[in-house]
């Protein structure tokens, strides 16, 4: 049965399922005078419709690229130069951010910081080299809490020169939607409740723009599964049942192959994971993939449905380690150190007090104390980085990082909520959590912080410019949890 109730955020969200659909084909640009090694594409941002909910429900009005949900998969080889002409067919401004790609600052897609937004009817061409191989994605950075929430996103895959051997490679773009009983989009984008709490969590979860039922597999098959979390706010914790997933990359960057902690592949908004899945169950069987991140809100995402005819009787014994990308290694001994504290949101003052901090001048009188508990000031800010809530488009840098030098940034989540923290233009090593050294010192560009958690990241600031630094729960970003790092 397909239940179309719209639950409160504290109640179990319904999920049922259609086979995952592939992204639409890219529309290449016509040949130009550019060099032959430039891969050229065109994207059109505009209105569309998609069969998000299964029949008998009708399709849903969305915003999308080239009429497809998700947008077309852009796939190139490491070292190639990419040129994408983005045409804006919306009735409002937009941009495109190439999430996780270490592109030049002018190509980063942040309105008013790195470029003027693309006006309705205009086209802007992004061009940069694909320095790193990996799983990336693209999305707007202009009013992203609504533009991404309505469907403007797509995968970008940069292939290794020598990829790991698998039988099949599959991309799953995960997202969720807040729909009405008639499969229309709920028009409550950017409401204050979402901004103050855990963001816009939907009641319908999709893989590649559809509510999935089954994903067909064969016994003995090895699959490279590229997972992208394109949701505004939902965090996924995927349990593959009797299967034993092996994580080989996070946020596009190779990592020592390993089984995920507690068996769950956890992805905050904007995060990605490349997973090797060996199909080890019996032919003709089904194994459910369960999302178990939210306590007491588990749901079946999709069933792995085994064909009656095995591909082979046991999994192949092929190497799964990926070659490293050309990332500069930070020198911790000489690194400059910086402190960043995130605070605000509902129960923000209480958490700050628990952790021995304060929220500035809040609490001088009852009205200020109430503002602190709700994580807002009289100026309207809800979320803060180092006591400042971002307002408007033009922001002074909160930190200046010396170019080509190593830096350690100690980050404290002094809030009651999770935050996936994203730094543009760079990847960083996650070196410690709550004072304990991380096992894999993983490279990431978006790191999920738990409530009251403290972690350290390290990087070489080798990409000059002003770079956005923000929570990728898009409602938190819009409500102030955003700043600028200057690399100079």
Protein backbone atom coordinates (compact mmCIF):
# COMPACT_ATOMS: atom_id res chain seq x y z
CA UNK A 1 0.00 0.00 0.00
CA UNK A 2 1.15 3.53 -0.70
CA UNK A 3 0.33 5.81 2.21
CA UNK A 4 0.21 9.46 1.27
CA UNK A 5 -0.21 11.00 4.68
CA UNK A 6 2.12 13.90 5.44
CA UNK A 7 3.50 13.16 8.91
CA UNK A 8 4.96 15.52 11.43
CA UNK A 9 8.74 15.41 11.43
CA UNK A 10 8.70 13.36 14.62
CA UNK A 11 6.53 10.61 13.15
CA UNK A 12 7.60 7.80 10.88
CA UNK A 13 7.81 8.92 7.25
CA UNK A 14 6.32 6.54 4.74
CA UNK A 15 8.44 5.04 2.01
CA UNK A 16 7.47 2.48 -0.60
CA UNK A 17 8.98 1.98 -3.88
CA UNK A 18 9.86 1.44 -8.87
CA UNK A 19 13.08 0.43 -10.18
CA UNK A 20 15.71 3.11 -10.07
CA UNK A 21 15.80 5.10 -13.29
CA UNK A 22 18.87 6.22 -15.10
CA UNK A 23 19.62 9.86 -15.66
CA UNK A 24 18.75 11.45 -18.97
CA UNK A 25 21.29 11.87 -21.70
CA UNK A 26 23.39 14.99 -21.88
CA UNK A 27 22.95 17.35 -24.78
CA UNK A 28 26.43 18.05 -26.17
CA UNK A 29 27.27 21.51 -27.41
CA UNK A 30 27.88 21.95 -31.08
CA UNK A 31 31.57 21.79 -32.07
CA UNK A 32 33.39 25.07 -31.53
CA UNK A 33 36.92 26.38 -31.87
CA UNK A 34 37.87 25.09 -28.40
CA UNK A 35 40.63 22.50 -28.03
CA UNK A 36 39.72 18.92 -28.77
CA UNK A 37 40.40 17.77 -25.18
CA UNK A 38 37.64 19.96 -23.73
CA UNK A 39 34.48 17.97 -23.00
CA UNK A 40 31.52 20.25 -23.71
CA UNK A 41 27.96 20.00 -22.44
CA UNK A 42 24.88 22.14 -21.98
CA UNK A 43 22.47 22.18 -19.06
CA UNK A 44 19.11 23.93 -19.04
CA UNK A 45 17.59 24.75 -15.67
CA UNK A 46 13.83 24.98 -15.94
CA UNK A 47 10.42 23.66 -14.99
CA UNK A 48 9.43 20.05 -15.46
CA UNK A 49 7.31 17.20 -14.19
CA UNK A 50 8.33 13.82 -12.81
CA UNK A 51 6.61 10.62 -11.70
CA UNK A 52 8.05 10.78 -8.19
CA UNK A 53 5.20 8.89 -6.53
CA UNK A 54 4.14 5.50 -7.94
CA UNK A 55 0.97 5.16 -9.94
CA UNK A 56 -1.95 5.69 -9.59
CA UNK A 57 -0.58 9.03 -8.40
CA UNK A 58 0.14 11.54 -11.12
CA UNK A 59 3.40 13.29 -11.79
CA UNK A 60 4.73 16.15 -9.68
CA UNK A 61 5.76 19.64 -10.87
CA UNK A 62 9.49 20.06 -10.25
CA UNK A 63 12.45 22.21 -11.21
CA UNK A 64 15.16 20.26 -13.01
CA UNK A 65 17.99 20.20 -15.54
CA UNK A 66 17.15 19.20 -19.12
CA UNK A 67 13.74 17.90 -18.05
CA UNK A 68 15.17 14.93 -16.11
CA UNK A 69 15.26 14.00 -12.43
CA UNK A 70 18.01 13.87 -11.37
CA UNK A 71 19.73 16.03 -13.94
CA UNK A 72 21.82 14.35 -16.63
CA UNK A 73 24.87 12.45 -15.43
CA UNK A 74 27.99 14.25 -16.57
CA UNK A 75 30.76 11.67 -16.94
CA UNK A 76 34.34 12.53 -17.91
CA UNK A 77 37.85 11.15 -17.36
CA UNK A 78 40.33 12.43 -14.79
CA UNK A 79 42.55 15.11 -16.32
CA UNK A 80 40.03 16.18 -18.95
CA UNK A 81 38.81 19.75 -19.15
CA UNK A 82 35.08 20.26 -18.68
CA UNK A 83 33.00 23.07 -20.15
CA UNK A 84 29.31 23.28 -19.25
CA UNK A 85 27.09 26.06 -20.60
CA UNK A 86 24.22 26.55 -18.14
CA UNK A 87 21.10 28.17 -19.56
CA UNK A 88 18.62 29.59 -17.06
CA UNK A 89 15.02 28.94 -18.06
CA UNK A 90 13.69 29.64 -14.57
CA UNK A 91 11.86 32.80 -13.59
CA UNK A 92 14.53 33.60 -11.02
CA UNK A 93 18.31 33.77 -10.82
CA UNK A 94 20.40 30.65 -10.35
CA UNK A 95 23.97 29.32 -10.38
CA UNK A 96 25.62 25.89 -10.48
CA UNK A 97 28.07 24.72 -7.82
CA UNK A 98 30.25 21.70 -8.68
CA UNK A 99 30.21 20.07 -5.29
CA UNK A 100 33.51 18.53 -4.21
CA UNK A 101 35.44 19.46 -7.35
CA UNK A 102 38.58 21.49 -6.71
CA UNK A 103 37.78 24.05 -9.39
CA UNK A 104 39.10 27.62 -9.70
CA UNK A 105 37.31 30.13 -7.50
CA UNK A 106 35.62 31.90 -10.42
CA UNK A 107 33.96 28.60 -11.42
CA UNK A 108 32.63 27.71 -7.95
CA UNK A 109 29.09 28.93 -8.54
CA UNK A 110 28.43 30.95 -5.38
CA UNK A 111 26.29 34.00 -6.26
CA UNK A 112 27.84 37.40 -5.55
CA UNK A 113 30.92 35.77 -4.02
CA UNK A 114 32.48 34.06 -7.06
CA UNK A 115 30.12 35.13 -9.86
CA UNK A 116 27.09 37.22 -10.67
CA UNK A 117 24.02 34.96 -10.62
CA UNK A 118 22.68 33.77 -13.96
CA UNK A 119 19.64 35.88 -14.76
CA UNK A 120 16.51 34.37 -16.33
CA UNK A 121 17.13 33.78 -20.04
CA UNK A 122 20.90 34.08 -19.72
CA UNK A 123 23.68 31.48 -20.10
CA UNK A 124 26.92 31.13 -18.17
CA UNK A 125 29.77 28.80 -19.18
CA UNK A 126 31.71 26.99 -16.46
CA UNK A 127 35.11 25.61 -17.44
CA UNK A 128 37.74 23.81 -15.37
CA UNK A 129 39.98 20.76 -15.24
CA UNK A 130 38.85 17.52 -13.57
CA UNK A 131 41.80 17.28 -11.19
CA UNK A 132 40.40 14.47 -9.04
CA UNK A 133 38.66 11.25 -9.99
CA UNK A 134 35.58 10.43 -7.95
CA UNK A 135 31.87 10.80 -7.32
CA UNK A 136 30.69 14.42 -7.30
CA UNK A 137 27.45 16.28 -8.02
CA UNK A 138 26.12 19.64 -9.14
CA UNK A 139 23.40 21.88 -7.74
CA UNK A 140 22.46 25.56 -7.41
CA UNK A 141 23.95 27.73 -4.71
CA UNK A 142 21.33 30.46 -5.13
CA UNK A 143 18.31 29.98 -2.86
CA UNK A 144 19.42 26.37 -2.69
CA UNK A 145 16.99 25.46 0.10
CA UNK A 146 14.22 25.74 -2.51
CA UNK A 147 15.99 25.18 -5.83
CA UNK A 148 17.64 21.95 -4.69
CA UNK A 149 14.49 20.97 -2.80
CA UNK A 150 12.47 21.23 -6.01
CA UNK A 151 14.83 18.95 -7.94
CA UNK A 152 17.75 20.93 -9.33
CA UNK A 153 20.66 18.53 -8.89
CA UNK A 154 22.57 15.89 -10.82
CA UNK A 155 25.58 13.54 -10.62
CA UNK A 156 29.04 14.29 -11.97
CA UNK A 157 31.37 11.30 -12.28
CA UNK A 158 35.10 11.64 -12.96
CA UNK A 159 36.48 8.24 -13.97
CA UNK A 160 39.89 6.96 -12.93
CA UNK A 161 42.40 6.12 -15.63
CA UNK A 162 42.53 2.62 -14.12
CA UNK A 163 39.23 1.96 -12.29
CA UNK A 164 38.64 -1.01 -10.03
CA UNK A 165 37.26 -4.08 -11.78
CA UNK A 166 33.55 -4.72 -11.22
CA UNK A 167 30.72 -6.38 -13.13
CA UNK A 168 28.57 -3.26 -13.02
CA UNK A 169 28.78 0.36 -11.88
CA UNK A 170 25.62 2.08 -10.64
CA UNK A 171 24.89 5.60 -9.39
CA UNK A 172 22.13 6.14 -6.81
CA UNK A 173 21.20 9.77 -6.19
CA UNK A 174 19.23 9.76 -2.95
CA UNK A 175 16.77 12.50 -2.05
CA UNK A 176 13.47 13.11 -0.32
CA UNK A 177 10.38 15.18 -0.92
CA UNK A 178 7.63 16.75 1.11
CA UNK A 179 4.49 15.91 -0.89
CA UNK A 180 0.78 16.35 -0.36
CA UNK A 181 -1.82 13.60 -0.65
CA UNK A 182 -2.15 14.43 -4.35
CA UNK A 183 1.62 14.21 -4.99
CA UNK A 184 2.04 17.98 -5.22
CA UNK A 185 5.06 19.71 -3.71
CA UNK A 186 4.41 21.18 -0.28
CA UNK A 187 5.01 24.91 -0.70
CA UNK A 188 6.51 25.50 2.75
CA UNK A 189 10.12 26.00 1.69
CA UNK A 190 12.27 27.90 4.16
CA UNK A 191 9.73 27.91 6.99
CA UNK A 192 11.02 28.90 10.40
CA UNK A 193 10.34 25.53 12.04
CA UNK A 194 12.55 23.72 9.53
CA UNK A 195 15.25 26.34 9.88
CA UNK A 196 15.31 26.12 13.67
CA UNK A 197 15.21 22.32 13.86
CA UNK A 198 16.67 19.67 11.51
CA UNK A 199 15.76 21.19 8.15
CA UNK A 200 13.29 20.15 5.46
CA UNK A 201 12.95 16.40 5.95
CA UNK A 202 10.45 14.98 3.44
CA UNK A 203 7.88 12.20 3.63
CA UNK A 204 8.90 10.50 0.37
CA UNK A 205 12.37 9.09 -0.35
CA UNK A 206 13.61 8.47 -3.89
CA UNK A 207 16.51 6.85 -5.69
CA UNK A 208 17.25 8.65 -8.95
CA UNK A 209 13.97 10.55 -8.74
CA UNK A 210 11.67 7.55 -8.21
CA UNK A 211 10.28 5.71 -5.19
CA UNK A 212 11.99 2.34 -5.68
CA UNK A 213 10.63 -1.18 -5.25
CA UNK A 214 13.36 -3.50 -6.47
CA UNK A 215 16.88 -3.33 -7.80
CA UNK A 216 17.72 -6.36 -9.94
CA UNK A 217 20.96 -8.22 -9.15
CA UNK A 218 22.55 -11.66 -9.73
CA UNK A 219 24.30 -13.96 -7.30
CA UNK A 220 28.08 -13.61 -7.55
CA UNK A 221 27.86 -10.14 -9.13
CA UNK A 222 30.18 -7.37 -7.95
CA UNK A 223 28.75 -3.83 -8.12
CA UNK A 224 30.41 -0.48 -7.59
CA UNK A 225 27.64 1.60 -6.06
CA UNK A 226 28.14 5.37 -6.17
CA UNK A 227 25.91 6.93 -3.50
CA UNK A 228 25.07 10.66 -3.51
CA UNK A 229 22.89 12.30 -0.86
CA UNK A 230 21.15 15.20 -2.62
CA UNK A 231 18.52 15.74 0.10
CA UNK A 232 18.11 19.12 1.76
CA UNK A 233 18.38 17.71 5.27
CA UNK A 234 17.81 13.95 5.53
CA UNK A 235 20.71 11.84 6.81
CA UNK A 236 20.85 8.26 5.53
CA UNK A 237 22.23 5.24 7.40
CA UNK A 238 21.94 2.36 4.93
CA UNK A 239 21.91 -1.25 6.11
CA UNK A 240 22.44 -3.71 3.25
CA UNK A 241 21.17 -6.70 5.23
CA UNK A 242 23.22 -9.87 4.84
CA UNK A 243 25.59 -8.14 2.43
CA UNK A 244 28.92 -6.74 3.56
CA UNK A 245 29.52 -3.37 1.86
CA UNK A 246 33.11 -2.20 1.48
CA UNK A 247 33.66 1.56 1.36
CA UNK A 248 36.39 2.50 -1.12
CA UNK A 249 35.86 6.28 -1.39
CA UNK A 250 34.23 9.09 0.58
CA UNK A 251 33.25 12.37 -1.06
CA UNK A 252 35.07 11.23 -4.19
CA UNK A 253 38.38 10.65 -2.43
CA UNK A 254 39.84 7.12 -2.12
CA UNK A 255 40.04 5.58 1.33
CA UNK A 256 41.49 2.33 2.62
CA UNK A 257 38.80 -0.24 1.74
CA UNK A 258 36.86 -1.08 4.90
CA UNK A 259 33.52 -2.20 6.27
CA UNK A 260 31.55 0.80 7.58
CA UNK A 261 31.20 1.28 11.31
CA UNK A 262 28.19 -0.61 12.73
CA UNK A 263 27.59 -1.91 9.20
CA UNK A 264 25.78 1.27 8.16
CA UNK A 265 26.80 3.50 5.25
CA UNK A 266 26.05 6.93 6.76
CA UNK A 267 25.63 9.92 4.45
CA UNK A 268 24.73 13.41 5.58
CA UNK A 269 23.35 15.86 2.99
CA UNK A 270 25.84 16.44 0.13
CA UNK A 271 28.06 13.51 1.16
CA UNK A 272 28.98 10.66 -1.17
CA UNK A 273 30.34 7.14 -0.80
CA UNK A 274 31.64 4.61 -3.31
CA UNK A 275 30.78 1.12 -2.08
CA UNK A 276 31.72 -2.33 -3.37
CA UNK A 277 28.74 -4.69 -3.02
CA UNK A 278 29.21 -8.40 -3.61
CA UNK A 279 25.91 -10.19 -4.24
CA UNK A 280 26.20 -13.13 -1.88
CA UNK A 281 22.55 -14.09 -1.20
CA UNK A 282 20.77 -17.02 -2.83
CA UNK A 283 19.48 -16.86 -6.40
CA UNK A 284 15.80 -15.93 -6.49
CA UNK A 285 15.88 -14.29 -3.05
CA UNK A 286 15.26 -10.72 -1.90
CA UNK A 287 17.25 -8.66 0.60
CA UNK A 288 15.93 -5.32 1.83
CA UNK A 289 18.11 -2.23 2.08
CA UNK A 290 16.95 -0.47 5.27
CA UNK A 291 17.59 3.13 6.30
CA UNK A 292 18.30 2.98 10.05
CA UNK A 293 19.74 6.41 10.78
CA UNK A 294 16.80 7.86 12.71
CA UNK A 295 15.94 5.88 15.82
CA UNK A 296 12.48 4.25 15.61
CA UNK A 297 12.02 5.65 12.08
CA UNK A 298 13.57 2.84 10.07
CA UNK A 299 12.15 2.20 6.61
CA UNK A 300 12.77 -0.06 3.64
CA UNK A 301 14.49 1.87 0.89
CA UNK A 302 14.58 -0.85 -1.78
CA UNK A 303 14.86 -4.62 -2.20
CA UNK A 304 17.84 -6.24 -3.88
CA UNK A 305 15.97 -8.79 -6.03
CA UNK A 306 18.09 -11.73 -7.15
CA UNK A 307 17.64 -13.26 -10.57
CA UNK A 308 17.04 -17.00 -10.65
CA UNK A 309 20.23 -17.51 -12.67
CA UNK A 310 23.50 -16.79 -10.83
CA UNK A 311 26.29 -14.91 -12.54
CA UNK A 312 28.78 -17.00 -10.55
CA UNK A 313 28.60 -19.01 -7.35
CA UNK A 314 30.83 -16.79 -5.26
CA UNK A 315 32.12 -13.24 -5.32
CA UNK A 316 35.22 -12.49 -7.38
CA UNK A 317 38.55 -11.90 -5.68
CA UNK A 318 39.52 -8.69 -7.50
CA UNK A 319 41.45 -5.80 -5.87
CA UNK A 320 39.22 -2.93 -4.74
CA UNK A 321 41.67 -0.20 -3.66
CA UNK A 322 41.52 3.01 -5.71
CA UNK A 323 44.58 5.04 -6.74
CA UNK A 324 45.00 8.27 -4.70
CA UNK A 325 44.13 11.68 -6.07
CA UNK A 326 46.83 14.41 -6.23
CA UNK A 327 45.98 16.05 -2.89
CA UNK A 328 48.71 17.91 -0.99
CA UNK A 329 49.41 16.30 2.38
CA UNK A 330 49.04 18.69 5.35
CA UNK A 331 52.02 18.97 7.70
CA UNK A 332 50.50 18.86 11.17
CA UNK A 333 53.71 19.91 12.88
CA UNK A 334 53.83 23.28 11.10
CA UNK A 335 50.10 23.81 10.63
CA UNK A 336 48.37 26.98 11.73
CA UNK A 337 45.47 26.32 14.12
CA UNK A 338 42.00 27.84 13.97
CA UNK A 339 38.89 27.43 16.12
CA UNK A 340 35.34 27.32 14.76
CA UNK A 341 32.22 26.92 16.90
CA UNK A 342 28.72 26.29 15.57
CA UNK A 343 25.82 27.29 17.78
CA UNK A 344 22.18 28.30 17.67
CA UNK A 345 18.98 26.56 16.71
CA UNK A 346 16.34 25.21 19.03
CA UNK A 347 17.88 24.42 22.44
CA UNK A 348 21.06 26.21 21.37
CA UNK A 349 21.60 28.17 24.61
CA UNK A 350 21.05 25.06 26.72
CA UNK A 351 23.70 23.12 24.80
CA UNK A 352 26.17 26.01 24.98
CA UNK A 353 25.70 26.16 28.76
CA UNK A 354 26.19 22.39 29.02
CA UNK A 355 29.47 22.72 27.13
CA UNK A 356 30.68 25.60 29.28
CA UNK A 357 30.08 28.38 26.75
CA UNK A 358 27.57 31.17 26.32
CA UNK A 359 25.64 32.88 23.58
CA UNK A 360 27.11 36.32 24.03
CA UNK A 361 24.75 38.87 25.48
CA UNK A 362 21.72 36.60 25.42
CA UNK A 363 20.07 35.91 28.74
CA UNK A 364 20.27 39.43 30.19
CA UNK A 365 16.50 39.55 30.41
CA UNK A 366 13.68 37.00 29.91
CA UNK A 367 13.08 37.95 26.29
CA UNK A 368 16.78 37.57 25.48
CA UNK A 369 16.87 34.26 27.33
CA UNK A 370 13.98 32.97 25.24
CA UNK A 371 15.76 34.14 22.11
CA UNK A 372 18.85 32.20 23.17
CA UNK A 373 16.86 29.02 23.80
CA UNK A 374 15.39 29.29 20.34
CA UNK A 375 18.75 30.13 18.80
CA UNK A 376 17.83 33.51 17.37
CA UNK A 377 18.69 37.13 17.95
CA UNK A 378 16.57 40.19 17.51
CA UNK A 379 18.21 40.62 14.10
CA UNK A 380 16.68 37.31 13.00
CA UNK A 381 19.70 35.00 12.96
CA UNK A 382 19.03 31.39 13.93
CA UNK A 383 22.39 29.65 13.40
CA UNK A 384 25.86 31.05 14.07
CA UNK A 385 29.50 30.37 13.27
CA UNK A 386 31.81 31.90 15.86
CA UNK A 387 28.87 33.95 17.08
CA UNK A 388 27.99 35.42 13.67
CA UNK A 389 24.92 34.62 11.60
CA UNK A 390 25.45 35.16 7.89
CA UNK A 391 23.21 37.82 6.41
CA UNK A 392 22.99 38.86 2.79
CA UNK A 393 25.31 37.93 -0.04
CA UNK A 394 28.49 39.89 0.64
CA UNK A 395 30.38 38.55 3.64
CA UNK A 396 33.75 39.46 5.08
CA UNK A 397 36.03 36.45 5.55
CA UNK A 398 35.76 34.83 8.97
CA UNK A 399 39.21 33.25 8.55
CA UNK A 400 42.17 34.01 6.31
CA UNK A 401 44.28 30.95 5.53
CA UNK A 402 47.83 31.46 4.27
CA UNK A 403 48.06 30.06 0.78
CA UNK A 404 50.01 26.81 0.27
CA UNK A 405 50.35 26.40 4.04
CA UNK A 406 48.95 23.66 6.24
CA UNK A 407 46.07 24.42 8.57
CA UNK A 408 44.18 22.56 11.30
CA UNK A 409 40.64 23.70 11.97
CA UNK A 410 39.14 22.55 15.27
CA UNK A 411 35.36 22.56 14.97
CA UNK A 412 32.88 22.31 17.84
CA UNK A 413 29.19 21.55 17.28
CA UNK A 414 27.66 23.31 20.28
CA UNK A 415 24.10 22.57 19.11
CA UNK A 416 21.46 19.90 19.60
CA UNK A 417 21.45 18.93 15.91
CA UNK A 418 23.61 17.20 13.30
CA UNK A 419 25.45 19.40 10.80
CA UNK A 420 27.18 18.29 7.56
CA UNK A 421 29.88 20.95 7.22
CA UNK A 422 31.14 21.67 3.70
CA UNK A 423 34.21 23.64 2.61
CA UNK A 424 34.33 24.75 -1.01
CA UNK A 425 37.41 24.46 -3.20
CA UNK A 426 39.30 21.97 -1.02
CA UNK A 427 39.29 18.49 0.42
CA UNK A 428 40.49 18.02 3.99
CA UNK A 429 41.57 15.15 6.20
CA UNK A 430 39.39 14.38 9.22
CA UNK A 431 42.09 13.75 11.82
CA UNK A 432 40.24 13.49 15.15
CA UNK A 433 36.80 13.22 16.73
CA UNK A 434 36.34 14.17 20.38
CA UNK A 435 40.08 14.03 20.90
CA UNK A 436 40.48 10.54 19.43
CA UNK A 437 42.50 10.10 16.26
CA UNK A 438 40.43 8.83 13.34
CA UNK A 439 41.32 5.38 12.05
CA UNK A 440 41.43 6.22 8.34
CA UNK A 441 42.23 9.97 8.40
CA UNK A 442 39.68 10.16 5.60
CA UNK A 443 39.68 12.87 2.97
CA UNK A 444 36.30 14.60 2.73
CA UNK A 445 34.79 17.88 1.59
CA UNK A 446 31.64 17.53 3.74
CA UNK A 447 31.91 16.10 7.24
CA UNK A 448 28.95 15.13 9.42
CA UNK A 449 29.16 16.45 12.97
CA UNK A 450 27.01 14.98 15.72
CA UNK A 451 25.46 17.18 18.43
CA UNK A 452 28.05 18.32 20.99
CA UNK A 453 30.87 16.78 18.94
CA UNK A 454 34.33 18.29 18.49
CA UNK A 455 36.51 17.32 15.55
CA UNK A 456 39.62 18.46 13.77
CA UNK A 457 40.25 18.70 10.05
CA UNK A 458 43.55 19.39 8.29
CA UNK A 459 44.29 20.73 4.82
CA UNK A 460 46.74 22.59 2.63
CA UNK A 461 45.06 25.82 1.53
CA UNK A 462 46.32 25.66 -2.06
CA UNK A 463 43.30 27.08 -3.93
CA UNK A 464 43.28 30.89 -3.84
CA UNK A 465 40.08 32.85 -3.36
CA UNK A 466 37.13 33.41 -1.07
CA UNK A 467 35.48 30.07 -0.33
CA UNK A 468 32.10 29.30 1.18
CA UNK A 469 32.08 27.31 4.43
CA UNK A 470 28.66 26.20 5.59
CA UNK A 471 26.26 23.60 6.88
CA UNK A 472 24.75 21.60 4.02
CA UNK A 473 21.42 21.25 5.73
CA UNK A 474 20.23 23.92 3.37
CA UNK A 475 17.75 25.50 5.77
CA UNK A 476 20.55 25.91 8.33
CA UNK A 477 22.71 27.58 5.70
CA UNK A 478 19.89 29.96 4.78
CA UNK A 479 19.34 30.78 8.47
CA UNK A 480 22.90 31.88 9.14
CA UNK A 481 25.25 28.85 9.35
CA UNK A 482 27.50 30.06 6.59
CA UNK A 483 30.79 31.92 6.37
CA UNK A 484 33.77 32.61 4.11
CA UNK A 485 37.35 31.34 4.30
CA UNK A 486 39.84 33.47 2.38
CA UNK A 487 42.91 31.72 0.95
CA UNK A 488 45.57 34.30 0.17
